[in-house]
Every structure is written in structure tokens, then in C-alpha cells.
Amino acid sequence: MKNRADIEVIAAILRSAKDNWEYQTTIMNKASVSHSQVIRYISVAMNRGLIEYSEISGLYKTTIMGLHFLEKHSKLMTLFPEIAEPSHSHQSHYD
């Protein structure tokens, strides 16, 4: 699998927590990222207001702003399918 761009990793993390409050481990598994990646990218997403953290439950959830980011990301991927991440396109255009 090719390395994903930072934006693709953030989008995968936001998608993994958009419907429910999720544990960090669940986000890692759903987004297919390592522990160090989830720590780094969740921090970036939180600083930008894209994901929120509940100190009471220890869970994360994508914010309204994060949902807007995902909408815009999805629109861009339909405009540029040749750069879409593998989960959006079953055939790699870089082979």
C-alpha cells in the first residue's frame, strides 16, 4: 500500500469517529494507522477543531467542522479521482 498524504490520514481518522464516540484504539483500527500516527493526527485535528475529546469518557468524536472537512474532502476526491486514496478507488492509478 502506498503512503497516504497527511490530509488522507486525517480524513480517515475523522471518518472513523463521525457516527459515534470512539476510543483511540478503535480509531487506529478503523483508519488503519499506527499508534504514533493516531496520536499525531488526532492532536492536529483537535487543534483545528475537527475532532473533540471527552475527558470523562476518554472517547473522540468528529465535530461539525470535521464533518464539513469530510464533505469538502469527498468533493475534491470526486473531482480528482486519480489521487483518491485506495478506500475510494479499488484500482491504484500509480501501478
Protein backbone atom coordinates (compact mmCIF):
# COMPACT_ATOMS: atom_id res chain seq x y z
CA MET A 1 0.00 0.00 0.00
CA LYS A 2 1.32 3.44 -0.88
CA ASN A 3 1.90 6.02 1.81
CA ARG A 4 -1.06 8.31 2.32
CA ALA A 5 -0.85 12.08 2.39
CA ASP A 6 -1.45 13.84 5.71
CA ILE A 7 -4.88 15.03 4.53
CA GLU A 8 -5.87 11.45 3.66
CA VAL A 9 -4.86 10.20 7.10
CA ILE A 10 -6.79 12.99 8.83
CA ALA A 11 -9.84 12.22 6.66
CA ALA A 12 -9.63 8.51 7.57
CA ILE A 13 -9.43 9.38 11.28
CA LEU A 14 -12.38 11.77 11.06
CA ARG A 15 -14.46 9.19 9.14
CA SER A 16 -13.75 6.61 11.83
CA ALA A 17 -15.30 8.81 14.55
CA LYS A 18 -18.04 10.58 12.63
CA ASP A 19 -21.01 8.46 13.71
CA ASN A 20 -20.14 7.53 17.29
CA TRP A 21 -17.83 8.46 20.11
CA GLU A 22 -14.81 6.16 19.68
CA TYR A 23 -11.77 5.02 21.63
CA GLN A 24 -8.35 5.88 20.23
CA THR A 25 -7.70 2.17 19.58
CA THR A 26 -10.91 1.86 17.58
CA ILE A 27 -9.94 4.90 15.52
CA MET A 28 -6.50 3.36 14.89
CA ASN A 29 -8.07 0.15 13.63
CA LYS A 30 -10.81 1.78 11.53
CA ALA A 31 -8.41 4.31 9.97
CA SER A 32 -5.57 1.79 9.54
CA VAL A 33 -2.99 3.98 11.26
CA SER A 34 -0.25 3.26 13.76
CA HIS A 35 -0.30 4.40 17.37
CA SER A 36 2.20 7.19 16.70
CA GLN A 37 0.16 8.37 13.69
CA VAL A 38 -3.14 8.44 15.60
CA ILE A 39 -1.53 10.46 18.41
CA ARG A 40 -0.01 12.97 15.97
CA TYR A 41 -3.03 13.37 13.68
CA ILE A 42 -5.64 13.48 16.44
CA SER A 43 -3.62 16.28 18.02
CA VAL A 44 -3.59 18.20 14.72
CA ALA A 45 -7.33 17.58 14.20
CA MET A 46 -8.14 18.70 17.76
CA ASN A 47 -6.07 21.88 17.36
CA ARG A 48 -8.06 22.67 14.19
CA GLY A 49 -11.43 21.90 15.83
CA LEU A 50 -12.09 18.87 13.61
CA ILE A 51 -12.38 16.29 16.39
CA GLU A 52 -13.27 16.57 20.07
CA TYR A 53 -12.24 14.57 23.11
CA SER A 54 -14.32 13.78 26.18
CA GLU A 55 -12.15 13.71 29.29
CA ILE A 56 -14.99 11.99 31.14
CA SER A 57 -15.31 9.01 28.79
CA GLY A 58 -11.91 9.08 27.07
CA LEU A 59 -13.63 8.98 23.68
CA TYR A 60 -13.28 11.03 20.48
CA LYS A 61 -15.91 12.29 18.03
CA THR A 62 -15.72 14.23 14.79
CA THR A 63 -17.08 17.78 15.20
CA ILE A 64 -19.42 19.67 12.87
CA MET A 65 -16.34 21.38 11.44
CA GLY A 66 -14.78 17.95 10.91
CA LEU A 67 -17.90 16.79 9.06
CA HIS A 68 -17.61 19.86 6.80
CA PHE A 69 -13.97 18.94 6.18
CA LEU A 70 -15.04 15.41 5.18
CA GLU A 71 -17.69 16.81 2.81
CA LYS A 72 -15.17 19.04 1.09
CA HIS A 73 -12.59 16.23 1.01
CA SER A 74 -15.12 13.91 -0.63
CA LYS A 75 -15.98 16.54 -3.27
CA LEU A 76 -12.30 17.04 -4.06
CA MET A 77 -11.79 13.30 -4.42
CA THR A 78 -14.63 13.12 -6.96
CA LEU A 79 -13.04 15.97 -8.92
CA PHE A 80 -9.61 14.28 -8.83
CA PRO A 81 -10.26 10.51 -8.81
CA GLU A 82 -6.68 9.81 -9.90
CA ILE A 83 -5.44 10.94 -6.49
CA ALA A 84 -8.20 9.31 -4.43
CA GLU A 85 -6.99 7.07 -1.62
CA PRO A 86 -7.36 3.29 -2.09
CA SER A 87 -10.54 3.09 0.02
CA HIS A 88 -12.25 5.37 -2.53
CA SER A 89 -10.81 3.64 -5.57
CA HIS A 90 -10.26 -0.09 -5.78
CA GLN A 91 -7.75 0.26 -8.59
CA SER A 92 -4.49 2.06 -7.96
CA HIS A 93 -3.57 4.63 -10.57
CA TYR A 94 0.09 4.55 -9.55
CA ASP A 95 0.90 0.94 -10.51
